[in-house]
Amino acid sequence: MQPQTNSELKQEFEKVVDLLIQIESAREAISSRLKDIKSEYGIEIPVARRVANVMRKNSRAEEEEKWNEFNELLDSVT
């Protein structure tokens, strides 16, 4: 590789590292918020995370369909 290419490549990797640091920071912030939700409202973390994901993806209908399928299967075996 040429020196200029090495320098450009290094800059690209530094950008990736910066993004990875941001991701890690965001994950820590999310975990902290979920813990706050649990302590303030008594909502379990997996439930709170799922609600947030459904809100983010705007996929309530899809979740309700999964829940209906689950209930139908449970009804059929109980």
PDB file of N, CA and C in Angstrom:
ATOM      1  N   MET A   1       0.830  -1.186   0.000  1.00  0.00           N
ATOM      2  CA  MET A   1       0.000   0.000   0.000  1.00  0.00           C
ATOM      3  C   MET A   1       0.875   1.249   0.000  1.00  0.00           C
ATOM      4  N   GLN A   2       0.348   2.260  -0.586  1.00  0.00           N
ATOM      5  CA  GLN A   2       1.055   3.528  -0.627  1.00  0.00           C
ATOM      6  C   GLN A   2       0.825   4.281   0.671  1.00  0.00           C
ATOM      7  N   PRO A   3       1.766   5.150   1.050  1.00  0.00           N
ATOM      8  CA  PRO A   3       1.599   5.911   2.296  1.00  0.00           C
ATOM      9  C   PRO A   3       0.282   6.687   2.365  1.00  0.00           C
ATOM     10  N   GLN A   4      -0.134   7.270   1.229  1.00  0.00           N
ATOM     11  CA  GLN A   4      -1.387   8.026   1.223  1.00  0.00           C
ATOM     12  C   GLN A   4      -2.562   7.085   1.490  1.00  0.00           C
ATOM     13  N   THR A   5      -2.520   5.907   0.874  1.00  0.00           N
ATOM     14  CA  THR A   5      -3.578   4.922   1.080  1.00  0.00           C
ATOM     15  C   THR A   5      -3.622   4.487   2.537  1.00  0.00           C
ATOM     16  N   ASN A   6      -2.442   4.265   3.142  1.00  0.00           N
ATOM     17  CA  ASN A   6      -2.383   3.883   4.552  1.00  0.00           C
ATOM     18  C   ASN A   6      -3.002   4.954   5.433  1.00  0.00           C
ATOM     19  N   SER A   7      -2.715   6.204   5.137  1.00  0.00           N
ATOM     20  CA  SER A   7      -3.260   7.310   5.913  1.00  0.00           C
ATOM     21  C   SER A   7      -4.774   7.386   5.760  1.00  0.00           C
ATOM     22  N   GLU A   8      -5.263   7.244   4.552  1.00  0.00           N
ATOM     23  CA  GLU A   8      -6.711   7.265   4.307  1.00  0.00           C
ATOM     24  C   GLU A   8      -7.393   6.096   4.999  1.00  0.00           C
ATOM     25  N   LEU A   9      -6.777   4.929   4.908  1.00  0.00           N
ATOM     26  CA  LEU A   9      -7.341   3.746   5.545  1.00  0.00           C
ATOM     27  C   LEU A   9      -7.380   3.911   7.059  1.00  0.00           C
ATOM     28  N   LYS A  10      -6.308   4.481   7.612  1.00  0.00           N
ATOM     29  CA  LYS A  10      -6.269   4.723   9.054  1.00  0.00           C
ATOM     30  C   LYS A  10      -7.417   5.650   9.463  1.00  0.00           C
ATOM     31  N   GLN A  11      -7.659   6.694   8.673  1.00  0.00           N
ATOM     32  CA  GLN A  11      -8.749   7.615   8.988  1.00  0.00           C
ATOM     33  C   GLN A  11     -10.103   6.917   8.953  1.00  0.00           C
ATOM     34  N   GLU A  12     -10.274   6.016   7.985  1.00  0.00           N
ATOM     35  CA  GLU A  12     -11.527   5.267   7.902  1.00  0.00           C
ATOM     36  C   GLU A  12     -11.717   4.384   9.133  1.00  0.00           C
ATOM     37  N   PHE A  13     -10.638   3.715   9.553  1.00  0.00           N
ATOM     38  CA  PHE A  13     -10.739   2.882  10.752  1.00  0.00           C
ATOM     39  C   PHE A  13     -10.989   3.712  11.994  1.00  0.00           C
ATOM     40  N   GLU A  14     -10.400   4.905  12.059  1.00  0.00           N
ATOM     41  CA  GLU A  14     -10.648   5.782  13.205  1.00  0.00           C
ATOM     42  C   GLU A  14     -12.120   6.195  13.261  1.00  0.00           C
ATOM     43  N   LYS A  15     -12.732   6.404  12.113  1.00  0.00           N
ATOM     44  CA  LYS A  15     -14.165   6.725  12.068  1.00  0.00           C
ATOM     45  C   LYS A  15     -14.994   5.544  12.581  1.00  0.00           C
ATOM     46  N   VAL A  16     -14.601   4.339  12.172  1.00  0.00           N
ATOM     47  CA  VAL A  16     -15.312   3.144  12.639  1.00  0.00           C
ATOM     48  C   VAL A  16     -15.175   3.007  14.150  1.00  0.00           C
ATOM     49  N   VAL A  17     -13.969   3.233  14.659  1.00  0.00           N
ATOM     50  CA  VAL A  17     -13.748   3.160  16.108  1.00  0.00           C
ATOM     51  C   VAL A  17     -14.621   4.187  16.826  1.00  0.00           C
ATOM     52  N   ASP A  18     -14.686   5.397  16.303  1.00  0.00           N
ATOM     53  CA  ASP A  18     -15.550   6.426  16.914  1.00  0.00           C
ATOM     54  C   ASP A  18     -17.006   5.976  16.953  1.00  0.00           C
ATOM     55  N   LEU A  19     -17.467   5.377  15.872  1.00  0.00           N
ATOM     56  CA  LEU A  19     -18.847   4.880  15.840  1.00  0.00           C
ATOM     57  C   LEU A  19     -19.059   3.744  16.833  1.00  0.00           C
ATOM     58  N   LEU A  20     -18.093   2.858  16.956  1.00  0.00           N
ATOM     59  CA  LEU A  20     -18.197   1.765  17.926  1.00  0.00           C
ATOM     60  C   LEU A  20     -18.265   2.305  19.352  1.00  0.00           C
ATOM     61  N   ILE A  21     -17.505   3.358  19.625  1.00  0.00           N
ATOM     62  CA  ILE A  21     -17.552   3.991  20.951  1.00  0.00           C
ATOM     63  C   ILE A  21     -18.936   4.588  21.191  1.00  0.00           C
ATOM     64  N   GLN A  22     -19.504   5.220  20.172  1.00  0.00           N
ATOM     65  CA  GLN A  22     -20.852   5.782  20.305  1.00  0.00           C
ATOM     66  C   GLN A  22     -21.884   4.689  20.560  1.00  0.00           C
ATOM     67  N   ILE A  23     -21.742   3.565  19.870  1.00  0.00           N
ATOM     68  CA  ILE A  23     -22.666   2.441  20.071  1.00  0.00           C
ATOM     69  C   ILE A  23     -22.584   1.948  21.507  1.00  0.00           C
ATOM     70  N   GLU A  24     -21.364   1.780  21.999  1.00  0.00           N
ATOM     71  CA  GLU A  24     -21.184   1.299  23.373  1.00  0.00           C
ATOM     72  C   GLU A  24     -21.803   2.275  24.371  1.00  0.00           C
ATOM     73  N   SER A  25     -21.596   3.552  24.140  1.00  0.00           N
ATOM     74  CA  SER A  25     -22.163   4.571  25.017  1.00  0.00           C
ATOM     75  C   SER A  25     -23.689   4.539  24.985  1.00  0.00           C
ATOM     76  N   ALA A  26     -24.249   4.384  23.793  1.00  0.00           N
ATOM     77  CA  ALA A  26     -25.703   4.313  23.661  1.00  0.00           C
ATOM     78  C   ALA A  26     -26.258   3.084  24.374  1.00  0.00           C
ATOM     79  N   ARG A  27     -25.575   1.954  24.252  1.00  0.00           N
ATOM     80  CA  ARG A  27     -26.031   0.740  24.942  1.00  0.00           C
ATOM     81  C   ARG A  27     -26.030   0.925  26.452  1.00  0.00           C
ATOM     82  N   GLU A  28     -24.991   1.583  26.953  1.00  0.00           N
ATOM     83  CA  GLU A  28     -24.931   1.844  28.393  1.00  0.00           C
ATOM     84  C   GLU A  28     -26.068   2.769  28.821  1.00  0.00           C
ATOM     85  N   ALA A  29     -26.362   3.777  28.015  1.00  0.00           N
ATOM     86  CA  ALA A  29     -27.449   4.707  28.329  1.00  0.00           C
ATOM     87  C   ALA A  29     -28.796   3.986  28.301  1.00  0.00           C
ATOM     88  N   ILE A  30     -28.978   3.112  27.324  1.00  0.00           N
ATOM     89  CA  ILE A  30     -30.228   2.340  27.238  1.00  0.00           C
ATOM     90  C   ILE A  30     -30.390   1.464  28.463  1.00  0.00           C
ATOM     91  N   SER A  31     -29.328   0.775  28.850  1.00  0.00           N
ATOM     92  CA  SER A  31     -29.397  -0.085  30.036  1.00  0.00           C
ATOM     93  C   SER A  31     -29.745   0.716  31.277  1.00  0.00           C
ATOM     94  N   SER A  32     -29.154   1.889  31.388  1.00  0.00           N
ATOM     95  CA  SER A  32     -29.438   2.748  32.543  1.00  0.00           C
ATOM     96  C   SER A  32     -30.897   3.178  32.555  1.00  0.00           C
ATOM     97  N   ARG A  33     -31.425   3.578  31.404  1.00  0.00           N
ATOM     98  CA  ARG A  33     -32.840   3.981  31.315  1.00  0.00           C
ATOM     99  C   ARG A  33     -33.756   2.815  31.649  1.00  0.00           C
ATOM    100  N   LEU A  34     -33.431   1.633  31.143  1.00  0.00           N
ATOM    101  CA  LEU A  34     -34.269   0.457  31.424  1.00  0.00           C
ATOM    102  C   LEU A  34     -34.264   0.135  32.914  1.00  0.00           C
ATOM    103  N   LYS A  35     -33.121   0.283  33.567  1.00  0.00           N
ATOM    104  CA  LYS A  35     -33.047   0.067  35.019  1.00  0.00           C
ATOM    105  C   LYS A  35     -33.905   1.097  35.749  1.00  0.00           C
ATOM    106  N   ASP A  36     -33.867   2.344  35.254  1.00  0.00           N
ATOM    107  CA  ASP A  36     -34.704   3.395  35.854  1.00  0.00           C
ATOM    108  C   ASP A  36     -36.183   3.058  35.708  1.00  0.00           C
ATOM    109  N   ILE A  37     -36.569   2.580  34.537  1.00  0.00           N
ATOM    110  CA  ILE A  37     -37.968   2.196  34.302  1.00  0.00           C
ATOM    111  C   ILE A  37     -38.369   1.079  35.255  1.00  0.00           C
ATOM    112  N   LYS A  38     -37.478   0.115  35.434  1.00  0.00           N
ATOM    113  CA  LYS A  38     -37.779  -0.989  36.345  1.00  0.00           C
ATOM    114  C   LYS A  38     -37.943  -0.485  37.778  1.00  0.00           C
ATOM    115  N   SER A  39     -37.029   0.348  38.220  1.00  0.00           N
ATOM    116  CA  SER A  39     -37.106   0.801  39.611  1.00  0.00           C
ATOM    117  C   SER A  39     -38.268   1.768  39.843  1.00  0.00           C
ATOM    118  N   GLU A  40     -38.581   2.611  38.872  1.00  0.00           N
ATOM    119  CA  GLU A  40     -39.637   3.604  39.063  1.00  0.00           C
ATOM    120  C   GLU A  40     -41.032   3.055  38.799  1.00  0.00           C
ATOM    121  N   TYR A  41     -41.152   2.113  37.854  1.00  0.00           N
ATOM    122  CA  TYR A  41     -42.473   1.648  37.440  1.00  0.00           C
ATOM    123  C   TYR A  41     -42.708   0.163  37.665  1.00  0.00           C
ATOM    124  N   GLY A  42     -41.668  -0.557  38.072  1.00  0.00           N
ATOM    125  CA  GLY A  42     -41.815  -1.988  38.334  1.00  0.00           C
ATOM    126  C   GLY A  42     -41.968  -2.835  37.091  1.00  0.00           C
ATOM    127  N   ILE A  43     -41.562  -2.310  35.951  1.00  0.00           N
ATOM    128  CA  ILE A  43     -41.660  -3.052  34.690  1.00  0.00           C
ATOM    129  C   ILE A  43     -40.344  -3.785  34.464  1.00  0.00           C
ATOM    130  N   GLU A  44     -40.430  -5.077  34.242  1.00  0.00           N
ATOM    131  CA  GLU A  44     -39.220  -5.865  34.034  1.00  0.00           C
ATOM    132  C   GLU A  44     -38.468  -5.376  32.800  1.00  0.00           C
ATOM    133  N   ILE A  45     -37.154  -5.435  32.855  1.00  0.00           N
ATOM    134  CA  ILE A  45     -36.304  -4.912  31.786  1.00  0.00           C
ATOM    135  C   ILE A  45     -36.602  -5.551  30.428  1.00  0.00           C
ATOM    136  N   PRO A  46     -36.749  -6.889  30.332  1.00  0.00           N
ATOM    137  CA  PRO A  46     -37.043  -7.455  29.005  1.00  0.00           C
ATOM    138  C   PRO A  46     -38.363  -6.945  28.417  1.00  0.00           C
ATOM    139  N   VAL A  47     -39.347  -6.729  29.268  1.00  0.00           N
ATOM    140  CA  VAL A  47     -40.641  -6.219  28.808  1.00  0.00           C
ATOM    141  C   VAL A  47     -40.477  -4.775  28.332  1.00  0.00           C
ATOM    142  N   ALA A  48     -39.785  -3.964  29.111  1.00  0.00           N
ATOM    143  CA  ALA A  48     -39.578  -2.563  28.739  1.00  0.00           C
ATOM    144  C   ALA A  48     -38.787  -2.465  27.436  1.00  0.00           C
ATOM    145  N   ARG A  49     -37.774  -3.307  27.283  1.00  0.00           N
ATOM    146  CA  ARG A  49     -36.971  -3.297  26.060  1.00  0.00           C
ATOM    147  C   ARG A  49     -37.835  -3.693  24.855  1.00  0.00           C
ATOM    148  N   ARG A  50     -38.694  -4.672  25.056  1.00  0.00           N
ATOM    149  CA  ARG A  50     -39.558  -5.123  23.959  1.00  0.00           C
ATOM    150  C   ARG A  50     -40.541  -4.030  23.552  1.00  0.00           C
ATOM    151  N   VAL A  51     -41.116  -3.364  24.542  1.00  0.00           N
ATOM    152  CA  VAL A  51     -42.034  -2.255  24.240  1.00  0.00           C
ATOM    153  C   VAL A  51     -41.302  -1.173  23.447  1.00  0.00           C
ATOM    154  N   ALA A  52     -40.101  -0.828  23.887  1.00  0.00           N
ATOM    155  CA  ALA A  52     -39.332   0.204  23.183  1.00  0.00           C
ATOM    156  C   ALA A  52     -39.026  -0.227  21.752  1.00  0.00           C
ATOM    157  N   ASN A  53     -38.680  -1.487  21.557  1.00  0.00           N
ATOM    158  CA  ASN A  53     -38.390  -1.975  20.207  1.00  0.00           C
ATOM    159  C   ASN A  53     -39.626  -1.955  19.314  1.00  0.00           C
ATOM    160  N   VAL A  54     -40.761  -2.331  19.866  1.00  0.00           N
ATOM    161  CA  VAL A  54     -42.004  -2.295  19.087  1.00  0.00           C
ATOM    162  C   VAL A  54     -42.323  -0.852  18.709  1.00  0.00           C
ATOM    163  N   MET A  55     -42.138   0.071  19.649  1.00  0.00           N
ATOM    164  CA  MET A  55     -42.380   1.482  19.356  1.00  0.00           C
ATOM    165  C   MET A  55     -41.423   1.975  18.269  1.00  0.00           C
ATOM    166  N   ARG A  56     -40.168   1.585  18.360  1.00  0.00           N
ATOM    167  CA  ARG A  56     -39.167   2.027  17.382  1.00  0.00           C
ATOM    168  C   ARG A  56     -39.471   1.502  15.992  1.00  0.00           C
ATOM    169  N   LYS A  57     -39.858   0.241  15.914  1.00  0.00           N
ATOM    170  CA  LYS A  57     -40.120  -0.387  14.623  1.00  0.00           C
ATOM    171  C   LYS A  57     -41.544  -0.145  14.140  1.00  0.00           C
ATOM    172  N   ASN A  58     -42.371   0.429  15.019  1.00  0.00           N
ATOM    173  CA  ASN A  58     -43.780   0.636  14.708  1.00  0.00           C
ATOM    174  C   ASN A  58     -44.409  -0.677  14.241  1.00  0.00           C
ATOM    175  N   SER A  59     -44.187  -1.730  15.030  1.00  0.00           N
ATOM    176  CA  SER A  59     -44.592  -3.074  14.624  1.00  0.00           C
ATOM    177  C   SER A  59     -45.591  -3.705  15.581  1.00  0.00           C
ATOM    178  N   ARG A  60     -46.483  -2.894  16.108  1.00  0.00           N
ATOM    179  CA  ARG A  60     -47.459  -3.416  17.065  1.00  0.00           C
ATOM    180  C   ARG A  60     -48.321  -4.515  16.450  1.00  0.00           C
ATOM    181  N   ALA A  61     -48.779  -4.322  15.228  1.00  0.00           N
ATOM    182  CA  ALA A  61     -49.634  -5.325  14.586  1.00  0.00           C
ATOM    183  C   ALA A  61     -48.898  -6.658  14.472  1.00  0.00           C
ATOM    184  N   GLU A  62     -47.640  -6.602  14.126  1.00  0.00           N
ATOM    185  CA  GLU A  62     -46.838  -7.824  14.010  1.00  0.00           C
ATOM    186  C   GLU A  62     -46.726  -8.514  15.368  1.00  0.00           C
ATOM    187  N   GLU A  63     -46.499  -7.738  16.421  1.00  0.00           N
ATOM    188  CA  GLU A  63     -46.396  -8.304  17.770  1.00  0.00           C
ATOM    189  C   GLU A  63     -47.725  -8.904  18.205  1.00  0.00           C
ATOM    190  N   GLU A  64     -48.815  -8.218  17.894  1.00  0.00           N
ATOM    191  CA  GLU A  64     -50.128  -8.740  18.262  1.00  0.00           C
ATOM    192  C   GLU A  64     -50.411 -10.048  17.530  1.00  0.00           C
ATOM    193  N   GLU A  65     -49.999 -10.159  16.286  1.00  0.00           N
ATOM    194  CA  GLU A  65     -50.182 -11.399  15.532  1.00  0.00           C
ATOM    195  C   GLU A  65     -49.395 -12.534  16.180  1.00  0.00           C
ATOM    196  N   LYS A  66     -48.165 -12.257  16.584  1.00  0.00           N
ATOM    197  CA  LYS A  66     -47.353 -13.278  17.272  1.00  0.00           C
ATOM    198  C   LYS A  66     -48.049 -13.709  18.560  1.00  0.00           C
ATOM    199  N   TRP A  67     -48.588 -12.719  19.295  1.00  0.00           N
ATOM    200  CA  TRP A  67     -49.261 -13.019  20.550  1.00  0.00           C
ATOM    201  C   TRP A  67     -50.518 -13.856  20.301  1.00  0.00           C
ATOM    202  N   ASN A  68     -51.264 -13.537  19.238  1.00  0.00           N
ATOM    203  CA  ASN A  68     -52.453 -14.318  18.890  1.00  0.00           C
ATOM    204  C   ASN A  68     -52.076 -15.752  18.557  1.00  0.00           C
ATOM    205  N   GLU A  69     -51.019 -15.929  17.780  1.00  0.00           N
ATOM    206  CA  GLU A  69     -50.563 -17.280  17.441  1.00  0.00           C
ATOM    207  C   GLU A  69     -50.171 -18.035  18.699  1.00  0.00           C
ATOM    208  N   PHE A  70     -49.481 -17.351  19.617  1.00  0.00           N
ATOM    209  CA  PHE A  70     -49.080 -17.963  20.874  1.00  0.00           C
ATOM    210  C   PHE A  70     -50.306 -18.401  21.671  1.00  0.00           C
ATOM    211  N   ASN A  71     -51.282 -17.505  21.795  1.00  0.00           N
ATOM    212  CA  ASN A  71     -52.488 -17.818  22.554  1.00  0.00           C
ATOM    213  C   ASN A  71     -53.267 -18.972  21.932  1.00  0.00           C
ATOM    214  N   GLU A  72     -53.352 -18.990  20.620  1.00  0.00           N
ATOM    215  CA  GLU A  72     -54.056 -20.093  19.935  1.00  0.00           C
ATOM    216  C   GLU A  72     -53.362 -21.428  20.209  1.00  0.00           C
ATOM    217  N   LEU A  73     -52.042 -21.427  20.142  1.00  0.00           N
ATOM    218  CA  LEU A  73     -51.303 -22.656  20.417  1.00  0.00           C
ATOM    219  C   LEU A  73     -51.472 -23.072  21.865  1.00  0.00           C
ATOM    220  N   LEU A  74     -51.381 -22.125  22.763  1.00  0.00           N
ATOM    221  CA  LEU A  74     -51.548 -22.434  24.188  1.00  0.00           C
ATOM    222  C   LEU A  74     -52.953 -22.966  24.460  1.00  0.00           C
ATOM    223  N   ASP A  75     -53.961 -22.348  23.865  1.00  0.00           N
ATOM    224  CA  ASP A  75     -55.338 -22.815  24.026  1.00  0.00           C
ATOM    225  C   ASP A  75     -55.510 -24.239  23.510  1.00  0.00           C
ATOM    226  N   SER A  76     -54.806 -24.571  22.438  1.00  0.00           N
ATOM    227  CA  SER A  76     -54.968 -25.895  21.844  1.00  0.00           C
ATOM    228  C   SER A  76     -54.343 -27.011  22.675  1.00  0.00           C
ATOM    229  N   VAL A  77     -53.425 -26.654  23.551  1.00  0.00           N
ATOM    230  CA  VAL A  77     -52.759 -27.697  24.337  1.00  0.00           C
ATOM    231  C   VAL A  77     -53.135 -27.664  25.813  1.00  0.00           C
ATOM    232  N   THR A  78     -53.972 -26.730  26.207  1.00  0.00           N
ATOM    233  CA  THR A  78     -54.370 -26.698  27.622  1.00  0.00           C
ATOM    234  C   THR A  78     -55.843 -26.981  27.781  1.00  0.00           C
TER     235      THR A  78
END
